[in-house]
């Protein structure tokens, strides 16, 4: 049983493909077409979701999670594996994903990673170092700066100027994390970054495709998805989720925090689709930054990906 602790997972040597891209770029639909085309060619392929939120049970509408019928057609892994009360760290996700990939390979199938989280993607496929974390130390750092990113940045600039320059003065969460690591380890946060500057996968047989639609196309898709979430019952889903505790990761998911504000009377329901779409677009821009920095991620048209992978 998974207890949330880091484990030593042997990296399997079978083929791994990755279909990456910002949210609403069409990854899930294309992944199904690829898996089914490969099945017709006699090749077994299983999807491993690289997503911070589809792991949570009951968070279905807001995560655009594949429904039961889809998962019956195509095996999906790392979907509905945690309760929303459970915290998901990057290291925990890495271990779960590598375990799932090894199980896929043990069945003689190909693993198809599908997702938009650049951080989780790199954690799974690259040999990265992750400094320790401690909630009490992090809380103390947060309380020391009381939400003031400028103050946190000033402290980090004194203790680790390289990290301060890399992170900038606006990303409070990342600034707090850097200060937490310094206090826990006595090492500069930037000292942990060497492996991040290399793009060397632990999987020797890795093939990557990136979906990166033009801005207008992606924004239209994001807007349509936000409206569809509301029509599918996002508010009701969040109302049900409020009945039990949620981890910080689960509570911060796009759409859920905004719907929570509506239920608490802090935001208007008629503005919900717009605010969800706006936050999603900001997130999509960050996703693009992750992938465009990775030399393995080359933007490819969906039809070209399908034709290249359908029977290979």
C-alpha atoms as a PDB file:
ATOM      1  CA  UNK A   1       0.000   0.000   0.000  1.00  0.00           C
ATOM      2  CA  UNK A   2       1.272   3.492  -0.836  1.00  0.00           C
ATOM      3  CA  UNK A   3       2.062   5.404   2.368  1.00  0.00           C
ATOM      4  CA  UNK A   4       3.316   8.571   0.721  1.00  0.00           C
ATOM      5  CA  UNK A   5       6.981   7.909   1.521  1.00  0.00           C
ATOM      6  CA  UNK A   6       9.691   7.942  -1.200  1.00  0.00           C
ATOM      7  CA  UNK A   7      10.536   4.476  -2.458  1.00  0.00           C
ATOM      8  CA  UNK A   8      13.272   3.038  -4.613  1.00  0.00           C
ATOM      9  CA  UNK A   9      11.568   2.157  -7.893  1.00  0.00           C
ATOM     10  CA  UNK A  10      13.613   0.297 -10.474  1.00  0.00           C
ATOM     11  CA  UNK A  11      13.386   2.086 -13.807  1.00  0.00           C
ATOM     12  CA  UNK A  12      12.217  -0.312 -16.486  1.00  0.00           C
ATOM     13  CA  UNK A  13      13.852  -0.357 -19.901  1.00  0.00           C
ATOM     14  CA  UNK A  14      10.813  -0.730 -22.150  1.00  0.00           C
ATOM     15  CA  UNK A  15       9.576   1.867 -24.656  1.00  0.00           C
ATOM     16  CA  UNK A  16       8.085   5.089 -23.308  1.00  0.00           C
ATOM     17  CA  UNK A  17       6.296   7.681 -25.363  1.00  0.00           C
ATOM     18  CA  UNK A  18       5.134  11.044 -24.077  1.00  0.00           C
ATOM     19  CA  UNK A  19       2.347  13.211 -25.478  1.00  0.00           C
ATOM     20  CA  UNK A  20       2.701  16.588 -23.807  1.00  0.00           C
ATOM     21  CA  UNK A  21       1.202  20.041 -24.106  1.00  0.00           C
ATOM     22  CA  UNK A  22      -0.715  22.788 -22.343  1.00  0.00           C
ATOM     23  CA  UNK A  23      -4.158  22.146 -20.960  1.00  0.00           C
ATOM     24  CA  UNK A  24      -6.957  21.983 -23.559  1.00  0.00           C
ATOM     25  CA  UNK A  25      -4.501  21.335 -26.414  1.00  0.00           C
ATOM     26  CA  UNK A  26      -6.176  18.049 -27.376  1.00  0.00           C
ATOM     27  CA  UNK A  27      -3.817  15.576 -25.722  1.00  0.00           C
ATOM     28  CA  UNK A  28      -6.430  13.223 -24.278  1.00  0.00           C
ATOM     29  CA  UNK A  29      -8.393  12.874 -27.507  1.00  0.00           C
ATOM     30  CA  UNK A  30      -5.252  12.271 -29.534  1.00  0.00           C
ATOM     31  CA  UNK A  31      -3.931   9.758 -26.982  1.00  0.00           C
ATOM     32  CA  UNK A  32      -7.062   7.638 -27.386  1.00  0.00           C
ATOM     33  CA  UNK A  33      -6.700   7.696 -31.167  1.00  0.00           C
ATOM     34  CA  UNK A  34      -3.047   6.652 -30.880  1.00  0.00           C
ATOM     35  CA  UNK A  35      -3.734   3.785 -28.473  1.00  0.00           C
ATOM     36  CA  UNK A  36      -6.619   2.435 -30.548  1.00  0.00           C
ATOM     37  CA  UNK A  37      -4.647   2.725 -33.817  1.00  0.00           C
ATOM     38  CA  UNK A  38      -1.762   0.843 -32.230  1.00  0.00           C
ATOM     39  CA  UNK A  39      -4.178  -1.800 -30.960  1.00  0.00           C
ATOM     40  CA  UNK A  40      -5.396  -2.359 -34.523  1.00  0.00           C
ATOM     41  CA  UNK A  41      -1.742  -2.853 -35.481  1.00  0.00           C
ATOM     42  CA  UNK A  42      -1.372  -5.451 -32.742  1.00  0.00           C
ATOM     43  CA  UNK A  43       0.557  -3.207 -30.335  1.00  0.00           C
ATOM     44  CA  UNK A  44      -0.570  -2.863 -26.717  1.00  0.00           C
ATOM     45  CA  UNK A  45      -0.294   0.639 -25.233  1.00  0.00           C
ATOM     46  CA  UNK A  46      -1.445   1.962 -21.847  1.00  0.00           C
ATOM     47  CA  UNK A  47      -1.817   5.593 -20.760  1.00  0.00           C
ATOM     48  CA  UNK A  48      -0.036   6.987 -17.703  1.00  0.00           C
ATOM     49  CA  UNK A  49      -1.531  10.359 -16.778  1.00  0.00           C
ATOM     50  CA  UNK A  50       1.048  13.025 -15.899  1.00  0.00           C
ATOM     51  CA  UNK A  51      -1.275  15.317 -13.996  1.00  0.00           C
ATOM     52  CA  UNK A  52      -1.351  16.628 -10.435  1.00  0.00           C
ATOM     53  CA  UNK A  53      -5.139  16.447 -10.063  1.00  0.00           C
ATOM     54  CA  UNK A  54      -6.598  13.493 -11.984  1.00  0.00           C
ATOM     55  CA  UNK A  55      -5.012  11.348  -9.271  1.00  0.00           C
ATOM     56  CA  UNK A  56      -7.778  12.470  -6.900  1.00  0.00           C
ATOM     57  CA  UNK A  57     -11.006  10.524  -6.528  1.00  0.00           C
ATOM     58  CA  UNK A  58     -14.149  12.608  -6.869  1.00  0.00           C
ATOM     59  CA  UNK A  59     -12.406  15.428  -8.728  1.00  0.00           C
ATOM     60  CA  UNK A  60     -13.801  14.557 -12.118  1.00  0.00           C
ATOM     61  CA  UNK A  61     -15.497  17.538 -13.741  1.00  0.00           C
ATOM     62  CA  UNK A  62     -12.865  20.146 -12.987  1.00  0.00           C
ATOM     63  CA  UNK A  63      -9.951  17.958 -14.076  1.00  0.00           C
ATOM     64  CA  UNK A  64     -11.508  16.838 -17.386  1.00  0.00           C
ATOM     65  CA  UNK A  65     -10.778  13.309 -16.224  1.00  0.00           C
ATOM     66  CA  UNK A  66     -11.454  10.470 -18.693  1.00  0.00           C
ATOM     67  CA  UNK A  67     -14.794   8.905 -17.889  1.00  0.00           C
ATOM     68  CA  UNK A  68     -15.435   5.277 -17.035  1.00  0.00           C
ATOM     69  CA  UNK A  69     -16.312   4.307 -20.589  1.00  0.00           C
ATOM     70  CA  UNK A  70     -13.051   5.756 -21.903  1.00  0.00           C
ATOM     71  CA  UNK A  71     -11.017   4.013 -19.239  1.00  0.00           C
ATOM     72  CA  UNK A  72     -12.781   0.761 -20.062  1.00  0.00           C
ATOM     73  CA  UNK A  73     -11.644   1.121 -23.684  1.00  0.00           C
ATOM     74  CA  UNK A  74      -8.086   2.203 -22.895  1.00  0.00           C
ATOM     75  CA  UNK A  75      -6.166   1.406 -19.694  1.00  0.00           C
ATOM     76  CA  UNK A  76      -5.314   4.566 -17.732  1.00  0.00           C
ATOM     77  CA  UNK A  77      -2.942   4.752 -14.773  1.00  0.00           C
ATOM     78  CA  UNK A  78      -2.600   7.374 -12.012  1.00  0.00           C
ATOM     79  CA  UNK A  79      -6.286   8.222 -12.228  1.00  0.00           C
ATOM     80  CA  UNK A  80      -8.360   7.979  -9.029  1.00  0.00           C
ATOM     81  CA  UNK A  81      -5.521   6.707  -6.842  1.00  0.00           C
ATOM     82  CA  UNK A  82      -5.687   9.174  -3.923  1.00  0.00           C
ATOM     83  CA  UNK A  83      -8.343  10.722  -1.716  1.00  0.00           C
ATOM     84  CA  UNK A  84      -8.533  14.533  -1.928  1.00  0.00           C
ATOM     85  CA  UNK A  85      -7.352  14.734   1.678  1.00  0.00           C
ATOM     86  CA  UNK A  86      -3.979  13.242   0.709  1.00  0.00           C
ATOM     87  CA  UNK A  87      -1.084  15.503  -0.202  1.00  0.00           C
ATOM     88  CA  UNK A  88       0.717  14.761  -3.452  1.00  0.00           C
ATOM     89  CA  UNK A  89       4.378  15.689  -3.537  1.00  0.00           C
ATOM     90  CA  UNK A  90       6.484  15.595  -6.686  1.00  0.00           C
ATOM     91  CA  UNK A  91       8.538  12.734  -5.280  1.00  0.00           C
ATOM     92  CA  UNK A  92       5.435  10.730  -4.462  1.00  0.00           C
ATOM     93  CA  UNK A  93       4.086  11.267  -7.956  1.00  0.00           C
ATOM     94  CA  UNK A  94       7.423  10.249  -9.481  1.00  0.00           C
ATOM     95  CA  UNK A  95       7.389   6.985  -7.532  1.00  0.00           C
ATOM     96  CA  UNK A  96       3.779   6.190  -8.452  1.00  0.00           C
ATOM     97  CA  UNK A  97       4.405   6.952 -12.130  1.00  0.00           C
ATOM     98  CA  UNK A  98       7.597   4.926 -12.418  1.00  0.00           C
ATOM     99  CA  UNK A  99       5.874   2.037 -10.679  1.00  0.00           C
ATOM    100  CA  UNK A 100       2.984   2.254 -13.151  1.00  0.00           C
ATOM    101  CA  UNK A 101       5.380   2.378 -16.121  1.00  0.00           C
ATOM    102  CA  UNK A 102       7.239  -0.689 -14.829  1.00  0.00           C
ATOM    103  CA  UNK A 103       3.934  -2.559 -14.500  1.00  0.00           C
ATOM    104  CA  UNK A 104       2.962  -1.622 -18.069  1.00  0.00           C
ATOM    105  CA  UNK A 105       6.303  -2.890 -19.361  1.00  0.00           C
ATOM    106  CA  UNK A 106       5.945  -6.092 -17.342  1.00  0.00           C
ATOM    107  CA  UNK A 107       2.756  -6.779 -19.309  1.00  0.00           C
ATOM    108  CA  UNK A 108       4.657  -6.358 -22.568  1.00  0.00           C
ATOM    109  CA  UNK A 109       2.951  -3.067 -23.398  1.00  0.00           C
ATOM    110  CA  UNK A 110       4.185   0.401 -24.257  1.00  0.00           C
ATOM    111  CA  UNK A 111       3.710   3.251 -21.760  1.00  0.00           C
ATOM    112  CA  UNK A 112       2.232   6.459 -23.169  1.00  0.00           C
ATOM    113  CA  UNK A 113       2.688   9.392 -20.791  1.00  0.00           C
ATOM    114  CA  UNK A 114      -0.005  12.020 -21.345  1.00  0.00           C
ATOM    115  CA  UNK A 115      -0.115  15.317 -19.523  1.00  0.00           C
ATOM    116  CA  UNK A 116       0.672  18.955 -19.110  1.00  0.00           C
ATOM    117  CA  UNK A 117       2.624  19.202 -15.882  1.00  0.00           C
ATOM    118  CA  UNK A 118       6.181  20.070 -16.855  1.00  0.00           C
ATOM    119  CA  UNK A 119       7.427  19.565 -13.314  1.00  0.00           C
ATOM    120  CA  UNK A 120       5.886  16.111 -12.949  1.00  0.00           C
ATOM    121  CA  UNK A 121       6.997  15.134 -16.456  1.00  0.00           C
ATOM    122  CA  UNK A 122      10.610  15.886 -15.697  1.00  0.00           C
ATOM    123  CA  UNK A 123      10.423  14.231 -12.281  1.00  0.00           C
ATOM    124  CA  UNK A 124       9.249  10.990 -13.887  1.00  0.00           C
ATOM    125  CA  UNK A 125      11.644  10.768 -16.825  1.00  0.00           C
ATOM    126  CA  UNK A 126      14.799  12.506 -15.567  1.00  0.00           C
ATOM    127  CA  UNK A 127      17.185  11.774 -12.715  1.00  0.00           C
ATOM    128  CA  UNK A 128      16.470  14.866 -10.644  1.00  0.00           C
ATOM    129  CA  UNK A 129      17.357  15.636  -7.059  1.00  0.00           C
ATOM    130  CA  UNK A 130      14.591  16.798  -4.762  1.00  0.00           C
ATOM    131  CA  UNK A 131      15.532  18.500  -1.509  1.00  0.00           C
ATOM    132  CA  UNK A 132      13.637  17.493   1.636  1.00  0.00           C
ATOM    133  CA  UNK A 133      10.564  19.275   2.893  1.00  0.00           C
ATOM    134  CA  UNK A 134       9.138  19.927   6.338  1.00  0.00           C
ATOM    135  CA  UNK A 135       5.689  21.469   6.842  1.00  0.00           C
ATOM    136  CA  UNK A 136       6.646  23.086  10.143  1.00  0.00           C
ATOM    137  CA  UNK A 137       9.691  24.792   8.656  1.00  0.00           C
ATOM    138  CA  UNK A 138       7.715  25.889   5.610  1.00  0.00           C
ATOM    139  CA  UNK A 139       4.957  27.270   7.834  1.00  0.00           C
ATOM    140  CA  UNK A 140       7.492  29.214   9.871  1.00  0.00           C
ATOM    141  CA  UNK A 141       8.913  30.769   6.700  1.00  0.00           C
ATOM    142  CA  UNK A 142       5.414  31.643   5.488  1.00  0.00           C
ATOM    143  CA  UNK A 143       4.545  33.255   8.809  1.00  0.00           C
ATOM    144  CA  UNK A 144       7.800  35.183   8.860  1.00  0.00           C
ATOM    145  CA  UNK A 145       6.928  36.909   5.606  1.00  0.00           C
ATOM    146  CA  UNK A 146       3.120  37.024   5.958  1.00  0.00           C
ATOM    147  CA  UNK A 147       2.479  36.719   2.242  1.00  0.00           C
ATOM    148  CA  UNK A 148       4.961  39.446   1.316  1.00  0.00           C
ATOM    149  CA  UNK A 149       6.810  38.175  -1.761  1.00  0.00           C
ATOM    150  CA  UNK A 150       9.133  41.189  -1.813  1.00  0.00           C
ATOM    151  CA  UNK A 151      10.306  40.452   1.723  1.00  0.00           C
ATOM    152  CA  UNK A 152      10.826  36.776   0.952  1.00  0.00           C
ATOM    153  CA  UNK A 153      12.757  37.691  -2.177  1.00  0.00           C
ATOM    154  CA  UNK A 154      14.966  40.108  -0.239  1.00  0.00           C
ATOM    155  CA  UNK A 155      15.845  37.418   2.293  1.00  0.00           C
ATOM    156  CA  UNK A 156      16.585  34.879  -0.434  1.00  0.00           C
ATOM    157  CA  UNK A 157      18.745  37.422  -2.287  1.00  0.00           C
ATOM    158  CA  UNK A 158      20.957  37.612   0.803  1.00  0.00           C
ATOM    159  CA  UNK A 159      21.132  33.851   1.356  1.00  0.00           C
ATOM    160  CA  UNK A 160      21.141  32.582  -2.246  1.00  0.00           C
ATOM    161  CA  UNK A 161      21.404  35.326  -4.882  1.00  0.00           C
ATOM    162  CA  UNK A 162      21.429  32.834  -7.759  1.00  0.00           C
ATOM    163  CA  UNK A 163      18.103  31.304  -6.702  1.00  0.00           C
ATOM    164  CA  UNK A 164      16.623  34.744  -6.048  1.00  0.00           C
ATOM    165  CA  UNK A 165      17.510  35.862  -9.567  1.00  0.00           C
ATOM    166  CA  UNK A 166      16.118  32.668 -11.118  1.00  0.00           C
ATOM    167  CA  UNK A 167      12.834  32.713  -9.186  1.00  0.00           C
ATOM    168  CA  UNK A 168      12.132  36.431  -9.304  1.00  0.00           C
ATOM    169  CA  UNK A 169      10.144  38.525  -6.862  1.00  0.00           C
ATOM    170  CA  UNK A 170       6.590  37.414  -7.697  1.00  0.00           C
ATOM    171  CA  UNK A 171       6.543  33.650  -7.102  1.00  0.00           C
ATOM    172  CA  UNK A 172       5.960  33.591  -3.343  1.00  0.00           C
ATOM    173  CA  UNK A 173       5.425  29.839  -3.146  1.00  0.00           C
ATOM    174  CA  UNK A 174       8.739  29.126  -4.869  1.00  0.00           C
ATOM    175  CA  UNK A 175      10.532  31.727  -2.734  1.00  0.00           C
ATOM    176  CA  UNK A 176       9.211  30.111   0.435  1.00  0.00           C
ATOM    177  CA  UNK A 177      10.303  26.708  -0.845  1.00  0.00           C
ATOM    178  CA  UNK A 178      13.839  27.949  -1.497  1.00  0.00           C
ATOM    179  CA  UNK A 179      14.112  29.407   2.011  1.00  0.00           C
ATOM    180  CA  UNK A 180      12.672  26.204   3.488  1.00  0.00           C
ATOM    181  CA  UNK A 181      15.365  24.129   1.751  1.00  0.00           C
ATOM    182  CA  UNK A 182      18.146  26.416   2.940  1.00  0.00           C
ATOM    183  CA  UNK A 183      16.972  26.124   6.530  1.00  0.00           C
ATOM    184  CA  UNK A 184      16.538  22.356   6.327  1.00  0.00           C
ATOM    185  CA  UNK A 185      19.770  21.470   4.562  1.00  0.00           C
ATOM    186  CA  UNK A 186      22.163  24.341   5.105  1.00  0.00           C
ATOM    187  CA  UNK A 187      22.744  24.306   1.325  1.00  0.00           C
ATOM    188  CA  UNK A 188      21.772  26.942  -1.174  1.00  0.00           C
ATOM    189  CA  UNK A 189      18.627  26.120  -3.105  1.00  0.00           C
ATOM    190  CA  UNK A 190      20.486  26.764  -6.351  1.00  0.00           C
ATOM    191  CA  UNK A 191      22.963  23.968  -5.495  1.00  0.00           C
ATOM    192  CA  UNK A 192      20.220  21.423  -6.222  1.00  0.00           C
ATOM    193  CA  UNK A 193      19.680  22.702  -9.762  1.00  0.00           C
ATOM    194  CA  UNK A 194      22.478  21.040 -11.727  1.00  0.00           C
ATOM    195  CA  UNK A 195      20.434  18.015 -12.818  1.00  0.00           C
ATOM    196  CA  UNK A 196      17.611  20.323 -13.858  1.00  0.00           C
ATOM    197  CA  UNK A 197      19.856  21.959 -16.428  1.00  0.00           C
ATOM    198  CA  UNK A 198      20.462  18.637 -18.164  1.00  0.00           C
ATOM    199  CA  UNK A 199      17.734  16.898 -20.125  1.00  0.00           C
ATOM    200  CA  UNK A 200      18.867  13.299 -19.791  1.00  0.00           C
ATOM    201  CA  UNK A 201      16.153  10.712 -19.384  1.00  0.00           C
ATOM    202  CA  UNK A 202      16.397   7.605 -17.236  1.00  0.00           C
ATOM    203  CA  UNK A 203      14.367   5.844 -19.950  1.00  0.00           C
ATOM    204  CA  UNK A 204      16.661   4.868 -22.833  1.00  0.00           C
ATOM    205  CA  UNK A 205      13.798   4.351 -25.306  1.00  0.00           C
ATOM    206  CA  UNK A 206      11.912   7.652 -24.969  1.00  0.00           C
ATOM    207  CA  UNK A 207       9.992   9.378 -27.757  1.00  0.00           C
ATOM    208  CA  UNK A 208       8.303  12.739 -27.178  1.00  0.00           C
ATOM    209  CA  UNK A 209       5.661  14.750 -29.020  1.00  0.00           C
ATOM    210  CA  UNK A 210       4.403  18.198 -28.045  1.00  0.00           C
ATOM    211  CA  UNK A 211       1.028  19.648 -28.957  1.00  0.00           C
ATOM    212  CA  UNK A 212       1.281  23.442 -28.956  1.00  0.00           C
ATOM    213  CA  UNK A 213      -1.651  25.055 -30.793  1.00  0.00           C
ATOM    214  CA  UNK A 214      -1.637  28.734 -31.804  1.00  0.00           C
ATOM    215  CA  UNK A 215      -2.760  31.196 -29.129  1.00  0.00           C
ATOM    216  CA  UNK A 216      -6.188  31.900 -30.606  1.00  0.00           C
ATOM    217  CA  UNK A 217      -6.986  28.215 -30.993  1.00  0.00           C
ATOM    218  CA  UNK A 218      -5.809  27.359 -27.493  1.00  0.00           C
ATOM    219  CA  UNK A 219      -7.667  30.240 -25.844  1.00  0.00           C
ATOM    220  CA  UNK A 220     -10.889  29.268 -27.610  1.00  0.00           C
ATOM    221  CA  UNK A 221     -10.469  25.698 -26.421  1.00  0.00           C
ATOM    222  CA  UNK A 222      -9.807  26.864 -22.861  1.00  0.00           C
ATOM    223  CA  UNK A 223     -12.899  29.100 -22.906  1.00  0.00           C
ATOM    224  CA  UNK A 224     -15.045  26.250 -24.201  1.00  0.00           C
ATOM    225  CA  UNK A 225     -13.680  23.884 -21.554  1.00  0.00           C
ATOM    226  CA  UNK A 226     -14.481  26.325 -18.746  1.00  0.00           C
ATOM    227  CA  UNK A 227     -18.087  26.626 -19.916  1.00  0.00           C
ATOM    228  CA  UNK A 228     -18.358  22.845 -20.295  1.00  0.00           C
ATOM    229  CA  UNK A 229     -17.128  22.343 -16.714  1.00  0.00           C
ATOM    230  CA  UNK A 230     -19.917  24.532 -15.364  1.00  0.00           C
ATOM    231  CA  UNK A 231     -22.506  22.797 -17.535  1.00  0.00           C
ATOM    232  CA  UNK A 232     -21.258  19.412 -16.302  1.00  0.00           C
ATOM    233  CA  UNK A 233     -21.782  20.352 -12.658  1.00  0.00           C
ATOM    234  CA  UNK A 234     -18.549  21.838 -11.312  1.00  0.00           C
ATOM    235  CA  UNK A 235     -20.365  23.744  -8.566  1.00  0.00           C
ATOM    236  CA  UNK A 236     -22.141  20.605  -7.361  1.00  0.00           C
ATOM    237  CA  UNK A 237     -18.888  18.635  -7.436  1.00  0.00           C
ATOM    238  CA  UNK A 238     -17.135  21.218  -5.271  1.00  0.00           C
ATOM    239  CA  UNK A 239     -20.103  21.304  -2.898  1.00  0.00           C
ATOM    240  CA  UNK A 240     -19.737  17.541  -2.392  1.00  0.00           C
ATOM    241  CA  UNK A 241     -15.993  17.830  -1.910  1.00  0.00           C
ATOM    242  CA  UNK A 242     -16.502  20.376   0.870  1.00  0.00           C
ATOM    243  CA  UNK A 243     -17.930  17.620   3.055  1.00  0.00           C
ATOM    244  CA  UNK A 244     -14.471  16.154   3.674  1.00  0.00           C
ATOM    245  CA  UNK A 245     -10.983  17.610   4.207  1.00  0.00           C
ATOM    246  CA  UNK A 246      -8.871  18.414   1.172  1.00  0.00           C
ATOM    247  CA  UNK A 247      -5.101  18.678   0.920  1.00  0.00           C
ATOM    248  CA  UNK A 248      -3.525  21.941  -0.135  1.00  0.00           C
ATOM    249  CA  UNK A 249      -2.741  20.461  -3.552  1.00  0.00           C
ATOM    250  CA  UNK A 250      -6.318  19.296  -4.147  1.00  0.00           C
ATOM    251  CA  UNK A 251      -7.858  22.533  -2.919  1.00  0.00           C
ATOM    252  CA  UNK A 252      -5.664  24.620  -5.220  1.00  0.00           C
ATOM    253  CA  UNK A 253      -6.770  22.908  -8.444  1.00  0.00           C
ATOM    254  CA  UNK A 254      -7.927  25.277 -11.161  1.00  0.00           C
ATOM    255  CA  UNK A 255     -11.707  25.619 -11.134  1.00  0.00           C
ATOM    256  CA  UNK A 256     -12.090  24.265  -7.629  1.00  0.00           C
ATOM    257  CA  UNK A 257     -10.742  27.300  -5.800  1.00  0.00           C
ATOM    258  CA  UNK A 258     -12.858  29.566  -8.020  1.00  0.00           C
ATOM    259  CA  UNK A 259     -16.005  27.490  -7.442  1.00  0.00           C
ATOM    260  CA  UNK A 260     -15.267  27.524  -3.717  1.00  0.00           C
ATOM    261  CA  UNK A 261     -15.262  31.321  -3.824  1.00  0.00           C
ATOM    262  CA  UNK A 262     -18.709  31.251  -5.425  1.00  0.00           C
ATOM    263  CA  UNK A 263     -20.084  28.904  -2.778  1.00  0.00           C
ATOM    264  CA  UNK A 264     -18.673  31.118  -0.032  1.00  0.00           C
ATOM    265  CA  UNK A 265     -20.244  34.225  -1.563  1.00  0.00           C
ATOM    266  CA  UNK A 266     -16.890  35.822  -2.399  1.00  0.00           C
ATOM    267  CA  UNK A 267     -17.441  35.707  -6.173  1.00  0.00           C
ATOM    268  CA  UNK A 268     -20.375  35.841  -8.562  1.00  0.00           C
ATOM    269  CA  UNK A 269     -21.513  32.653 -10.236  1.00  0.00           C
ATOM    270  CA  UNK A 270     -21.998  34.407 -13.569  1.00  0.00           C
ATOM    271  CA  UNK A 271     -18.281  35.270 -13.605  1.00  0.00           C
ATOM    272  CA  UNK A 272     -17.097  31.749 -12.846  1.00  0.00           C
ATOM    273  CA  UNK A 273     -16.467  30.503 -16.392  1.00  0.00           C
ATOM    274  CA  UNK A 274     -14.507  33.642 -17.207  1.00  0.00           C
ATOM    275  CA  UNK A 275     -12.335  33.504 -14.080  1.00  0.00           C
ATOM    276  CA  UNK A 276     -11.630  29.791 -14.564  1.00  0.00           C
ATOM    277  CA  UNK A 277     -10.668  30.400 -18.194  1.00  0.00           C
ATOM    278  CA  UNK A 278      -8.394  33.299 -17.231  1.00  0.00           C
ATOM    279  CA  UNK A 279      -6.548  31.249 -14.630  1.00  0.00           C
ATOM    280  CA  UNK A 280      -6.325  28.304 -17.019  1.00  0.00           C
ATOM    281  CA  UNK A 281      -4.778  30.516 -19.699  1.00  0.00           C
ATOM    282  CA  UNK A 282      -2.146  31.769 -17.249  1.00  0.00           C
ATOM    283  CA  UNK A 283      -1.379  28.176 -16.334  1.00  0.00           C
ATOM    284  CA  UNK A 284      -1.159  27.173 -19.999  1.00  0.00           C
ATOM    285  CA  UNK A 285       1.437  29.873 -20.575  1.00  0.00           C
ATOM    286  CA  UNK A 286       3.543  28.478 -17.725  1.00  0.00           C
ATOM    287  CA  UNK A 287       3.160  24.978 -19.159  1.00  0.00           C
ATOM    288  CA  UNK A 288       4.434  26.204 -22.496  1.00  0.00           C
ATOM    289  CA  UNK A 289       7.476  27.711 -20.805  1.00  0.00           C
ATOM    290  CA  UNK A 290       8.332  24.349 -19.241  1.00  0.00           C
ATOM    291  CA  UNK A 291       8.035  22.433 -22.489  1.00  0.00           C
ATOM    292  CA  UNK A 292       9.680  24.989 -24.748  1.00  0.00           C
ATOM    293  CA  UNK A 293      12.730  24.916 -22.484  1.00  0.00           C
ATOM    294  CA  UNK A 294      13.032  21.152 -22.984  1.00  0.00           C
ATOM    295  CA  UNK A 295      14.912  20.325 -26.211  1.00  0.00           C
ATOM    296  CA  UNK A 296      13.130  16.969 -26.420  1.00  0.00           C
ATOM    297  CA  UNK A 297       9.762  18.682 -26.779  1.00  0.00           C
ATOM    298  CA  UNK A 298       9.291  19.624 -30.411  1.00  0.00           C
ATOM    299  CA  UNK A 299       5.881  20.976 -31.422  1.00  0.00           C
ATOM    300  CA  UNK A 300       4.208  18.573 -33.835  1.00  0.00           C
ATOM    301  CA  UNK A 301       0.784  18.631 -35.494  1.00  0.00           C
ATOM    302  CA  UNK A 302      -1.698  16.103 -34.115  1.00  0.00           C
ATOM    303  CA  UNK A 303      -2.140  14.315 -37.461  1.00  0.00           C
ATOM    304  CA  UNK A 304       1.615  13.978 -37.827  1.00  0.00           C
ATOM    305  CA  UNK A 305       1.910  12.477 -34.338  1.00  0.00           C
ATOM    306  CA  UNK A 306      -0.876  10.028 -35.103  1.00  0.00           C
ATOM    307  CA  UNK A 307       0.586   8.924 -38.404  1.00  0.00           C
ATOM    308  CA  UNK A 308       4.039   8.538 -36.880  1.00  0.00           C
ATOM    309  CA  UNK A 309       2.937   6.557 -33.852  1.00  0.00           C
ATOM    310  CA  UNK A 310      -0.121   4.694 -35.107  1.00  0.00           C
ATOM    311  CA  UNK A 311       1.668   1.499 -35.977  1.00  0.00           C
ATOM    312  CA  UNK A 312       5.239   2.024 -34.864  1.00  0.00           C
END
